[in-house]
Protein backbone atom coordinates (compact mmCIF):
# COMPACT_ATOMS: atom_id res chain seq x y z
CA MET A 1 -12.02 3.44 -2.08
CA LYS A 2 -14.86 4.19 0.31
CA ARG A 3 -14.32 5.26 3.91
CA ASP A 4 -15.71 2.08 5.46
CA GLU A 5 -13.46 -0.10 3.29
CA ALA A 6 -10.41 2.00 4.13
CA LEU A 7 -11.14 1.74 7.86
CA ARG A 8 -11.71 -2.02 7.56
CA LEU A 9 -8.30 -2.46 5.90
CA VAL A 10 -6.54 -0.40 8.57
CA TYR A 11 -8.33 -2.36 11.31
CA GLU A 12 -7.28 -5.66 9.67
CA ALA A 13 -3.65 -4.50 9.72
CA ILE A 14 -4.08 -3.57 13.40
CA ASP A 15 -5.38 -7.10 14.08
CA ILE A 16 -2.21 -8.53 12.49
CA VAL A 17 0.22 -6.27 14.37
CA ASN A 18 -1.40 -6.23 17.82
CA PRO A 19 -0.39 -9.79 18.84
CA GLN A 20 3.25 -8.77 18.24
CA LEU A 21 2.97 -5.82 20.66
CA PRO A 22 3.05 -5.78 24.45
CA ALA A 23 -0.47 -5.49 25.87
CA ALA A 24 0.09 -1.90 27.00
CA ARG A 25 1.10 -0.80 23.49
CA ARG A 26 -1.60 -2.52 21.44
CA LEU A 27 -3.50 -0.34 19.01
CA ALA A 28 -7.17 0.40 19.57
CA LYS A 29 -9.43 0.08 16.55
CA SER A 30 -10.58 3.68 16.67
CA PRO A 31 -10.19 6.59 14.22
CA ASP A 32 -8.46 8.58 17.00
CA THR A 33 -5.71 6.01 17.58
CA ILE A 34 -2.28 7.56 17.16
CA LEU A 35 -0.05 5.36 15.02
CA VAL A 36 3.31 7.13 14.81
CA GLY A 37 4.99 9.98 16.59
CA PRO A 38 5.86 10.66 20.22
CA ALA A 39 2.46 9.47 21.48
CA GLY A 40 2.25 6.54 19.05
CA SER A 41 2.38 2.91 20.12
CA LEU A 42 4.47 1.61 17.23
CA ASP A 43 8.25 1.47 17.34
CA SER A 44 10.24 1.26 14.09
CA LEU A 45 9.74 -2.50 13.68
CA GLY A 46 6.06 -2.18 14.55
CA ILE A 47 5.63 0.54 11.92
CA ILE A 48 7.26 -1.63 9.26
CA ASN A 49 5.11 -4.64 10.15
CA PHE A 50 1.98 -2.51 10.16
CA VAL A 51 2.73 -0.85 6.81
CA VAL A 52 3.61 -4.16 5.11
CA SER A 53 0.41 -5.76 6.41
CA LEU A 54 -1.63 -2.79 5.25
CA GLU A 55 0.07 -2.69 1.84
CA GLU A 56 -0.87 -6.32 1.24
CA ARG A 57 -4.52 -5.65 2.04
CA VAL A 58 -4.72 -2.44 0.04
CA THR A 59 -3.03 -4.07 -2.96
CA ASP A 60 -5.70 -6.79 -2.93
CA ALA A 61 -8.46 -4.19 -2.57
CA VAL A 62 -7.37 -1.87 -5.38
CA GLY A 63 -6.14 -4.59 -7.72
CA ALA A 64 -2.67 -3.13 -8.23
CA PRO A 65 0.58 -2.98 -6.27
CA VAL A 66 0.58 -0.19 -3.67
CA GLN A 67 3.58 1.21 -1.85
CA LEU A 68 2.55 3.10 1.27
CA PHE A 69 5.92 3.25 2.99
CA ASP A 70 7.07 6.82 2.56
CA GLU A 71 9.49 8.23 5.11
CA ALA A 72 8.12 11.75 4.69
CA ALA A 73 4.56 10.57 5.32
CA LEU A 74 5.70 8.72 8.43
CA LEU A 75 7.66 11.63 9.85
CA GLU A 76 5.16 14.43 9.30
CA GLU A 77 3.37 15.26 12.52
CA ASN A 78 0.01 15.45 10.75
CA GLY A 79 0.93 13.12 7.89
CA ALA A 80 -0.99 10.16 6.55
CA PHE A 81 0.23 7.84 9.30
CA ALA A 82 -0.50 10.15 12.25
CA THR A 83 -3.77 8.43 13.23
CA VAL A 84 -6.10 5.72 11.99
CA ASP A 85 -8.36 8.51 10.69
CA THR A 86 -5.66 10.30 8.66
CA LEU A 87 -4.48 6.98 7.25
CA SER A 88 -7.96 5.86 6.21
CA ARG A 89 -8.58 9.25 4.57
CA PHE A 90 -5.30 8.84 2.68
CA LEU A 91 -6.40 5.38 1.51
CA GLU A 92 -9.71 6.80 0.28
CA GLY A 93 -7.77 8.83 -2.27
CA LEU A 94 -5.93 5.87 -3.80
CA PRO A 95 -6.92 5.04 -7.37
CA ARG A 96 -8.24 1.61 -8.28
CA ALA A 97 -6.72 -0.43 -11.09
């Protein structure tokens, strides 16, 4: 997957989740946006909604089921879900069907 496609998919998931968040906690569509962790805007339900939305989009894009929800990846300070940038870079490495 190319970088621009990966970013587009993450931004689409942000568009789905943002209406469910209070205005002050909405995610900016920027590579620097922190997704999870102490400075992140998503609580546990927000993370689940975001990951499920993203999984649906990525599955369609790669043509095969994708499971992104990995507790270790979510908990690592610099893991795949740390920022929009780290997540899009992670998506770039996914194989296509």
